[in-house]
PDB file of N, CA and C in Angstrom:
ATOM      1  N   MET A   1       0.757  -1.497   0.450  1.00  0.00           N
ATOM      2  CA  MET A   1      -0.304   0.100   0.149  1.00  0.00           C
ATOM      3  C   MET A   1       0.469   1.040   0.105  1.00  0.00           C
ATOM      4  N   THR A   2       0.637   2.115  -0.939  1.00  0.00           N
ATOM      5  CA  THR A   2       1.660   3.472  -1.128  1.00  0.00           C
ATOM      6  C   THR A   2       0.478   4.641  -0.267  1.00  0.00           C
ATOM      7  N   PRO A   3       1.711   4.833   0.501  1.00  0.00           N
ATOM      8  CA  PRO A   3       0.661   5.869   1.577  1.00  0.00           C
ATOM      9  C   PRO A   3       0.424   7.059   0.232  1.00  0.00           C
ATOM     10  N   ASN A   4      -0.863   7.938   1.361  1.00  0.00           N
ATOM     11  CA  ASN A   4      -1.593   9.388   0.598  1.00  0.00           C
ATOM     12  C   ASN A   4      -0.644  10.262   1.144  1.00  0.00           C
ATOM     13  N   PRO A   5       0.510  11.172   0.297  1.00  0.00           N
ATOM     14  CA  PRO A   5       1.198  11.667   0.857  1.00  0.00           C
ATOM     15  C   PRO A   5      -0.738  13.073   0.968  1.00  0.00           C
ATOM     16  N   HIS A   6      -1.755  13.359   1.827  1.00  0.00           N
ATOM     17  CA  HIS A   6      -2.430  14.346   1.315  1.00  0.00           C
ATOM     18  C   HIS A   6      -3.284  13.423   2.901  1.00  0.00           C
ATOM     19  N   THR A   7      -2.233  12.682   3.498  1.00  0.00           N
ATOM     20  CA  THR A   7      -2.837  11.486   4.939  1.00  0.00           C
ATOM     21  C   THR A   7      -1.907  11.552   5.946  1.00  0.00           C
ATOM     22  N   PRO A   8      -2.331  12.788   7.184  1.00  0.00           N
ATOM     23  CA  PRO A   8      -0.583  12.683   8.467  1.00  0.00           C
ATOM     24  C   PRO A   8      -0.869  12.146   9.022  1.00  0.00           C
ATOM     25  N   PHE A   9       0.646  11.264   9.211  1.00  0.00           N
ATOM     26  CA  PHE A   9       1.144  10.673   9.624  1.00  0.00           C
ATOM     27  C   PHE A   9       1.382  10.927  11.284  1.00  0.00           C
ATOM     28  N   PHE A  10       0.672  10.343  12.163  1.00  0.00           N
ATOM     29  CA  PHE A  10       0.712  10.641  13.501  1.00  0.00           C
ATOM     30  C   PHE A  10       1.683   9.703  14.613  1.00  0.00           C
ATOM     31  N   SER A  11       2.819   9.216  15.268  1.00  0.00           N
ATOM     32  CA  SER A  11       3.070   8.450  15.869  1.00  0.00           C
ATOM     33  C   SER A  11       2.481   7.522  16.748  1.00  0.00           C
ATOM     34  N   ALA A  12       2.752   7.016  17.668  1.00  0.00           N
ATOM     35  CA  ALA A  12       1.335   6.567  18.801  1.00  0.00           C
ATOM     36  C   ALA A  12       1.483   7.291  19.793  1.00  0.00           C
ATOM     37  N   GLU A  13       2.158   8.116  19.761  1.00  0.00           N
ATOM     38  CA  GLU A  13       2.705   8.930  20.970  1.00  0.00           C
ATOM     39  C   GLU A  13       1.455  10.466  20.758  1.00  0.00           C
ATOM     40  N   ALA A  14       1.506  10.838  19.563  1.00  0.00           N
ATOM     41  CA  ALA A  14       1.003  11.695  19.206  1.00  0.00           C
ATOM     42  C   ALA A  14      -0.856  11.698  18.707  1.00  0.00           C
ATOM     43  N   PHE A  15      -0.928  10.636  18.875  1.00  0.00           N
ATOM     44  CA  PHE A  15      -2.431   9.394  18.245  1.00  0.00           C
ATOM     45  C   PHE A  15      -3.779   9.550  19.598  1.00  0.00           C
ATOM     46  N   LEU A  16      -2.216   9.094  20.495  1.00  0.00           N
ATOM     47  CA  LEU A  16      -2.520   9.183  21.900  1.00  0.00           C
ATOM     48  C   LEU A  16      -3.224  10.203  22.283  1.00  0.00           C
ATOM     49  N   ALA A  17      -1.893  11.037  22.342  1.00  0.00           N
ATOM     50  CA  ALA A  17      -2.233  13.001  22.763  1.00  0.00           C
ATOM     51  C   ALA A  17      -4.212  13.261  22.267  1.00  0.00           C
ATOM     52  N   LEU A  18      -3.678  13.341  21.013  1.00  0.00           N
ATOM     53  CA  LEU A  18      -5.167  13.261  20.337  1.00  0.00           C
ATOM     54  C   LEU A  18      -6.438  12.626  21.093  1.00  0.00           C
ATOM     55  N   GLY A  19      -6.403  11.906  21.407  1.00  0.00           N
ATOM     56  CA  GLY A  19      -7.578  11.452  22.132  1.00  0.00           C
ATOM     57  C   GLY A  19      -8.546  11.581  24.040  1.00  0.00           C
ATOM     58  N   ALA A  20      -6.798  11.957  23.669  1.00  0.00           N
ATOM     59  CA  ALA A  20      -7.013  11.837  25.426  1.00  0.00           C
ATOM     60  C   ALA A  20      -6.972  10.473  26.068  1.00  0.00           C
ATOM     61  N   PRO A  21      -5.986  10.132  27.230  1.00  0.00           N
ATOM     62  CA  PRO A  21      -5.739   9.081  27.770  1.00  0.00           C
ATOM     63  C   PRO A  21      -7.426   8.352  27.720  1.00  0.00           C
ATOM     64  N   ASP A  22      -7.955   8.724  28.126  1.00  0.00           N
ATOM     65  CA  ASP A  22      -9.651   7.862  28.729  1.00  0.00           C
ATOM     66  C   ASP A  22      -9.397   7.355  27.857  1.00  0.00           C
ATOM     67  N   LEU A  23     -10.236   7.772  26.294  1.00  0.00           N
ATOM     68  CA  LEU A  23     -11.454   7.413  25.935  1.00  0.00           C
ATOM     69  C   LEU A  23     -10.060   6.332  25.008  1.00  0.00           C
ATOM     70  N   VAL A  24     -10.721   4.468  24.851  1.00  0.00           N
ATOM     71  CA  VAL A  24     -10.577   3.616  24.544  1.00  0.00           C
ATOM     72  C   VAL A  24     -11.697   4.012  23.146  1.00  0.00           C
ATOM     73  N   TYR A  25     -11.280   2.112  23.270  1.00  0.00           N
ATOM     74  CA  TYR A  25     -12.297   1.482  21.810  1.00  0.00           C
ATOM     75  C   TYR A  25     -12.151  -0.158  22.059  1.00  0.00           C
ATOM     76  N   VAL A  26     -13.287  -0.649  21.352  1.00  0.00           N
ATOM     77  CA  VAL A  26     -13.568  -2.972  21.662  1.00  0.00           C
ATOM     78  C   VAL A  26     -13.471  -2.942  20.476  1.00  0.00           C
ATOM     79  N   ARG A  27     -13.114  -3.920  20.371  1.00  0.00           N
ATOM     80  CA  ARG A  27     -12.805  -4.615  19.194  1.00  0.00           C
ATOM     81  C   ARG A  27     -12.705  -5.572  19.326  1.00  0.00           C
ATOM     82  N   PRO A  28     -13.642  -6.736  18.498  1.00  0.00           N
ATOM     83  CA  PRO A  28     -13.466  -7.934  18.077  1.00  0.00           C
ATOM     84  C   PRO A  28     -12.242  -8.568  17.786  1.00  0.00           C
ATOM     85  N   ILE A  29     -11.339  -9.772  18.432  1.00  0.00           N
ATOM     86  CA  ILE A  29     -10.033 -10.367  17.922  1.00  0.00           C
ATOM     87  C   ILE A  29     -10.669 -11.656  17.642  1.00  0.00           C
ATOM     88  N   LYS A  30      -9.472 -12.642  17.553  1.00  0.00           N
ATOM     89  CA  LYS A  30      -9.838 -14.003  17.460  1.00  0.00           C
ATOM     90  C   LYS A  30      -8.399 -14.388  18.692  1.00  0.00           C
ATOM     91  N   ALA A  31     -10.148 -15.824  19.300  1.00  0.00           N
ATOM     92  CA  ALA A  31      -8.277 -16.372  19.918  1.00  0.00           C
ATOM     93  C   ALA A  31      -7.363 -16.704  20.030  1.00  0.00           C
ATOM     94  N   ALA A  32      -7.371 -16.922  18.761  1.00  0.00           N
ATOM     95  CA  ALA A  32      -5.189 -17.296  19.128  1.00  0.00           C
ATOM     96  C   ALA A  32      -4.710 -16.129  19.190  1.00  0.00           C
ATOM     97  N   GLU A  33      -5.014 -14.441  18.971  1.00  0.00           N
ATOM     98  CA  GLU A  33      -3.935 -13.060  19.106  1.00  0.00           C
ATOM     99  C   GLU A  33      -3.692 -13.563  21.138  1.00  0.00           C
ATOM    100  N   ILE A  34      -4.629 -13.568  21.255  1.00  0.00           N
ATOM    101  CA  ILE A  34      -4.612 -13.896  22.985  1.00  0.00           C
ATOM    102  C   ILE A  34      -3.410 -15.066  23.448  1.00  0.00           C
ATOM    103  N   LEU A  35      -3.656 -16.541  22.835  1.00  0.00           N
ATOM    104  CA  LEU A  35      -2.730 -17.545  22.898  1.00  0.00           C
ATOM    105  C   LEU A  35      -2.077 -18.042  22.629  1.00  0.00           C
ATOM    106  N   ALA A  36      -1.028 -16.605  21.157  1.00  0.00           N
ATOM    107  CA  ALA A  36       0.015 -16.405  20.862  1.00  0.00           C
ATOM    108  C   ALA A  36       0.284 -15.830  21.944  1.00  0.00           C
ATOM    109  N   ASP A  37       0.504 -15.270  22.484  1.00  0.00           N
ATOM    110  CA  ASP A  37       1.179 -14.088  23.921  1.00  0.00           C
ATOM    111  C   ASP A  37       1.166 -15.126  25.279  1.00  0.00           C
ATOM    112  N   VAL A  38       0.529 -16.100  25.880  1.00  0.00           N
ATOM    113  CA  VAL A  38       0.835 -16.306  26.634  1.00  0.00           C
ATOM    114  C   VAL A  38       1.768 -17.097  26.881  1.00  0.00           C
ATOM    115  N   PRO A  39       2.143 -17.855  27.937  1.00  0.00           N
ATOM    116  CA  PRO A  39       3.502 -18.285  28.201  1.00  0.00           C
ATOM    117  C   PRO A  39       2.909 -19.559  28.520  1.00  0.00           C
ATOM    118  N   ALA A  40       3.362 -20.380  27.808  1.00  0.00           N
ATOM    119  CA  ALA A  40       3.619 -22.169  27.360  1.00  0.00           C
ATOM    120  C   ALA A  40       3.155 -22.394  29.538  1.00  0.00           C
ATOM    121  N   ASP A  41       3.716 -22.236  30.293  1.00  0.00           N
ATOM    122  CA  ASP A  41       3.784 -22.857  31.820  1.00  0.00           C
ATOM    123  C   ASP A  41       2.652 -21.980  32.339  1.00  0.00           C
ATOM    124  N   ALA A  42       1.476 -20.704  31.598  1.00  0.00           N
ATOM    125  CA  ALA A  42       0.713 -19.974  31.945  1.00  0.00           C
ATOM    126  C   ALA A  42      -0.559 -20.899  32.845  1.00  0.00           C
ATOM    127  N   GLY A  43      -0.759 -22.667  32.075  1.00  0.00           N
ATOM    128  CA  GLY A  43      -1.572 -23.765  33.024  1.00  0.00           C
ATOM    129  C   GLY A  43      -3.083 -23.862  31.941  1.00  0.00           C
ATOM    130  N   ASP A  44      -4.107 -24.377  32.337  1.00  0.00           N
ATOM    131  CA  ASP A  44      -5.239 -24.357  31.120  1.00  0.00           C
ATOM    132  C   ASP A  44      -5.811 -23.150  31.024  1.00  0.00           C
ATOM    133  N   ILE A  45      -5.262 -22.601  29.403  1.00  0.00           N
ATOM    134  CA  ILE A  45      -6.517 -22.167  29.147  1.00  0.00           C
ATOM    135  C   ILE A  45      -7.445 -22.979  28.383  1.00  0.00           C
ATOM    136  N   ASP A  46      -8.871 -22.275  28.669  1.00  0.00           N
ATOM    137  CA  ASP A  46      -9.846 -23.237  27.626  1.00  0.00           C
ATOM    138  C   ASP A  46     -10.579 -22.121  26.750  1.00  0.00           C
ATOM    139  N   LEU A  47      -9.387 -21.733  25.679  1.00  0.00           N
ATOM    140  CA  LEU A  47      -9.852 -21.170  24.100  1.00  0.00           C
ATOM    141  C   LEU A  47     -10.183 -21.741  23.718  1.00  0.00           C
ATOM    142  N   SER A  48     -11.241 -21.507  22.067  1.00  0.00           N
ATOM    143  CA  SER A  48     -10.908 -21.851  20.884  1.00  0.00           C
ATOM    144  C   SER A  48     -10.208 -20.857  20.050  1.00  0.00           C
ATOM    145  N   PRO A  49      -9.189 -21.812  19.259  1.00  0.00           N
ATOM    146  CA  PRO A  49      -8.662 -20.454  18.870  1.00  0.00           C
ATOM    147  C   PRO A  49      -9.634 -19.474  17.600  1.00  0.00           C
ATOM    148  N   ASP A  50     -10.192 -20.477  17.309  1.00  0.00           N
ATOM    149  CA  ASP A  50     -11.339 -19.900  16.014  1.00  0.00           C
ATOM    150  C   ASP A  50     -12.458 -18.890  17.225  1.00  0.00           C
ATOM    151  N   GLN A  51     -12.474 -19.008  18.154  1.00  0.00           N
ATOM    152  CA  GLN A  51     -13.615 -17.639  19.115  1.00  0.00           C
ATOM    153  C   GLN A  51     -13.102 -16.510  19.205  1.00  0.00           C
ATOM    154  N   THR A  52     -14.000 -15.831  19.080  1.00  0.00           N
ATOM    155  CA  THR A  52     -14.070 -14.472  19.163  1.00  0.00           C
ATOM    156  C   THR A  52     -14.603 -14.039  20.739  1.00  0.00           C
ATOM    157  N   LEU A  53     -13.765 -13.131  20.560  1.00  0.00           N
ATOM    158  CA  LEU A  53     -13.276 -11.942  21.914  1.00  0.00           C
ATOM    159  C   LEU A  53     -13.446 -10.989  22.031  1.00  0.00           C
ATOM    160  N   TYR A  54     -13.469 -10.241  23.395  1.00  0.00           N
ATOM    161  CA  TYR A  54     -13.603  -7.913  23.180  1.00  0.00           C
ATOM    162  C   TYR A  54     -12.194  -7.693  23.547  1.00  0.00           C
ATOM    163  N   ALA A  55     -11.118  -6.576  22.776  1.00  0.00           N
ATOM    164  CA  ALA A  55     -10.490  -6.510  22.903  1.00  0.00           C
ATOM    165  C   ALA A  55     -10.840  -4.468  24.129  1.00  0.00           C
ATOM    166  N   VAL A  56     -10.482  -4.251  25.002  1.00  0.00           N
ATOM    167  CA  VAL A  56     -10.483  -2.798  24.877  1.00  0.00           C
ATOM    168  C   VAL A  56      -9.292  -2.619  25.124  1.00  0.00           C
ATOM    169  N   CYS A  57      -9.192  -1.747  24.100  1.00  0.00           N
ATOM    170  CA  CYS A  57      -7.820  -0.402  23.596  1.00  0.00           C
ATOM    171  C   CYS A  57      -7.377   0.869  23.770  1.00  0.00           C
ATOM    172  N   ARG A  58      -6.367   1.024  23.790  1.00  0.00           N
ATOM    173  CA  ARG A  58      -5.429   2.636  24.341  1.00  0.00           C
ATOM    174  C   ARG A  58      -5.923   3.309  23.036  1.00  0.00           C
ATOM    175  N   ALA A  59      -6.379   4.225  22.394  1.00  0.00           N
ATOM    176  CA  ALA A  59      -5.837   4.920  21.505  1.00  0.00           C
ATOM    177  C   ALA A  59      -4.619   4.473  20.352  1.00  0.00           C
ATOM    178  N   ASP A  60      -3.376   4.622  21.476  1.00  0.00           N
ATOM    179  CA  ASP A  60      -2.295   3.777  20.650  1.00  0.00           C
ATOM    180  C   ASP A  60      -2.864   2.925  20.333  1.00  0.00           C
ATOM    181  N   GLY A  61      -3.819   1.707  19.753  1.00  0.00           N
ATOM    182  CA  GLY A  61      -3.708   0.464  19.846  1.00  0.00           C
ATOM    183  C   GLY A  61      -3.497  -0.775  20.859  1.00  0.00           C
ATOM    184  N   ALA A  62      -2.420  -0.021  22.338  1.00  0.00           N
ATOM    185  CA  ALA A  62      -1.970  -1.122  23.116  1.00  0.00           C
ATOM    186  C   ALA A  62      -3.945  -1.599  23.611  1.00  0.00           C
ATOM    187  N   ARG A  63      -3.084  -3.104  23.667  1.00  0.00           N
ATOM    188  CA  ARG A  63      -4.549  -3.805  24.369  1.00  0.00           C
ATOM    189  C   ARG A  63      -4.389  -3.539  25.926  1.00  0.00           C
ATOM    190  N   LEU A  64      -5.436  -3.074  27.224  1.00  0.00           N
ATOM    191  CA  LEU A  64      -5.839  -3.403  27.949  1.00  0.00           C
ATOM    192  C   LEU A  64      -6.688  -4.633  28.617  1.00  0.00           C
ATOM    193  N   ALA A  65      -7.340  -5.019  28.043  1.00  0.00           N
ATOM    194  CA  ALA A  65      -8.143  -5.863  28.391  1.00  0.00           C
ATOM    195  C   ALA A  65      -9.114  -6.977  27.209  1.00  0.00           C
ATOM    196  N   VAL A  66      -8.941  -8.300  27.553  1.00  0.00           N
ATOM    197  CA  VAL A  66      -9.769  -9.191  26.788  1.00  0.00           C
ATOM    198  C   VAL A  66     -10.782  -9.478  27.881  1.00  0.00           C
ATOM    199  N   LEU A  67     -12.140  -9.407  26.750  1.00  0.00           N
ATOM    200  CA  LEU A  67     -13.426 -10.284  27.700  1.00  0.00           C
ATOM    201  C   LEU A  67     -13.940 -10.514  26.511  1.00  0.00           C
ATOM    202  N   THR A  68     -14.399 -11.845  27.023  1.00  0.00           N
ATOM    203  CA  THR A  68     -15.618 -12.460  25.735  1.00  0.00           C
ATOM    204  C   THR A  68     -16.598 -12.382  25.004  1.00  0.00           C
ATOM    205  N   ASP A  69     -17.835 -10.700  25.519  1.00  0.00           N
ATOM    206  CA  ASP A  69     -17.821 -10.378  25.064  1.00  0.00           C
ATOM    207  C   ASP A  69     -18.584  -8.368  24.798  1.00  0.00           C
ATOM    208  N   LYS A  70     -18.810  -8.840  23.587  1.00  0.00           N
ATOM    209  CA  LYS A  70     -18.908  -6.626  23.652  1.00  0.00           C
ATOM    210  C   LYS A  70     -19.668  -6.281  24.512  1.00  0.00           C
ATOM    211  N   ASP A  71     -20.599  -6.870  25.445  1.00  0.00           N
ATOM    212  CA  ASP A  71     -21.368  -5.656  25.902  1.00  0.00           C
ATOM    213  C   ASP A  71     -20.131  -5.240  27.740  1.00  0.00           C
ATOM    214  N   SER A  72     -19.604  -6.739  28.359  1.00  0.00           N
ATOM    215  CA  SER A  72     -18.669  -6.676  28.943  1.00  0.00           C
ATOM    216  C   SER A  72     -18.002  -5.721  29.134  1.00  0.00           C
ATOM    217  N   ALA A  73     -17.233  -5.875  27.761  1.00  0.00           N
ATOM    218  CA  ALA A  73     -15.968  -5.058  27.194  1.00  0.00           C
ATOM    219  C   ALA A  73     -15.747  -3.321  27.594  1.00  0.00           C
ATOM    220  N   ILE A  74     -17.359  -3.147  27.256  1.00  0.00           N
ATOM    221  CA  ILE A  74     -17.983  -1.570  27.257  1.00  0.00           C
ATOM    222  C   ILE A  74     -18.069  -2.168  28.486  1.00  0.00           C
ATOM    223  N   ALA A  75     -19.128  -2.641  29.054  1.00  0.00           N
ATOM    224  CA  ALA A  75     -18.586  -2.328  31.133  1.00  0.00           C
ATOM    225  C   ALA A  75     -17.447  -1.804  31.812  1.00  0.00           C
ATOM    226  N   ALA A  76     -16.785  -2.762  31.312  1.00  0.00           N
ATOM    227  CA  ALA A  76     -14.839  -3.054  32.042  1.00  0.00           C
ATOM    228  C   ALA A  76     -15.033  -1.805  32.145  1.00  0.00           C
ATOM    229  N   ALA A  77     -15.249  -1.101  30.151  1.00  0.00           N
ATOM    230  CA  ALA A  77     -14.232   0.339  29.839  1.00  0.00           C
ATOM    231  C   ALA A  77     -14.840   1.286  31.542  1.00  0.00           C
ATOM    232  N   LEU A  78     -16.285   1.177  31.290  1.00  0.00           N
ATOM    233  CA  LEU A  78     -16.927   2.370  31.920  1.00  0.00           C
ATOM    234  C   LEU A  78     -17.003   2.389  33.183  1.00  0.00           C
ATOM    235  N   ALA A  79     -17.036   0.726  33.643  1.00  0.00           N
ATOM    236  CA  ALA A  79     -16.287   0.739  35.203  1.00  0.00           C
ATOM    237  C   ALA A  79     -14.986   1.314  35.825  1.00  0.00           C
ATOM    238  N   HIS A  80     -14.130   1.087  34.390  1.00  0.00           N
ATOM    239  CA  HIS A  80     -12.534   2.334  34.978  1.00  0.00           C
ATOM    240  C   HIS A  80     -12.544   3.722  34.762  1.00  0.00           C
ATOM    241  N   GLU A  81     -13.605   4.153  34.587  1.00  0.00           N
ATOM    242  CA  GLU A  81     -13.807   5.330  33.956  1.00  0.00           C
ATOM    243  C   GLU A  81     -13.058   5.598  33.118  1.00  0.00           C
ATOM    244  N   LEU A  82     -13.072   5.474  32.237  1.00  0.00           N
ATOM    245  CA  LEU A  82     -12.634   4.865  30.396  1.00  0.00           C
ATOM    246  C   LEU A  82     -13.962   5.654  29.315  1.00  0.00           C
ATOM    247  N   ALA A  83     -13.350   5.492  28.412  1.00  0.00           N
ATOM    248  CA  ALA A  83     -14.837   6.472  26.982  1.00  0.00           C
ATOM    249  C   ALA A  83     -14.395   5.550  26.435  1.00  0.00           C
ATOM    250  N   PRO A  84     -15.146   4.595  25.680  1.00  0.00           N
ATOM    251  CA  PRO A  84     -15.194   3.881  24.765  1.00  0.00           C
ATOM    252  C   PRO A  84     -16.532   4.541  23.730  1.00  0.00           C
ATOM    253  N   VAL A  85     -15.460   4.341  22.025  1.00  0.00           N
ATOM    254  CA  VAL A  85     -15.812   5.583  21.248  1.00  0.00           C
ATOM    255  C   VAL A  85     -16.079   3.845  20.235  1.00  0.00           C
ATOM    256  N   SER A  86     -16.786   4.745  19.129  1.00  0.00           N
ATOM    257  CA  SER A  86     -17.096   4.059  17.889  1.00  0.00           C
ATOM    258  C   SER A  86     -16.156   4.228  16.876  1.00  0.00           C
ATOM    259  N   VAL A  87     -15.696   3.089  16.418  1.00  0.00           N
ATOM    260  CA  VAL A  87     -14.088   2.524  15.250  1.00  0.00           C
ATOM    261  C   VAL A  87     -14.796   2.334  14.550  1.00  0.00           C
ATOM    262  N   HIS A  88     -14.600   3.167  12.822  1.00  0.00           N
ATOM    263  CA  HIS A  88     -15.261   1.709  12.036  1.00  0.00           C
ATOM    264  C   HIS A  88     -13.792   2.066  10.482  1.00  0.00           C
TER     265      HIS A  88
END
């Protein structure tokens, strides 16, 4: 993909500052993404790699939490005084 010269580039830090530190978004992810990050000695984890989970992410894309359904992910963000926003 060729970068569009009319689209500004933001570093992760600039993007985070643009949205304020309390803005987060919720996105679906496959359990395989989580399983790839889990140490081998973490114990018994009952997830199917094809299972859809929901990640609460900062504006810079860093995952803060992973839950089993979207409503719980939004509720967790709100419970921690974060402001979930819709992204498309």
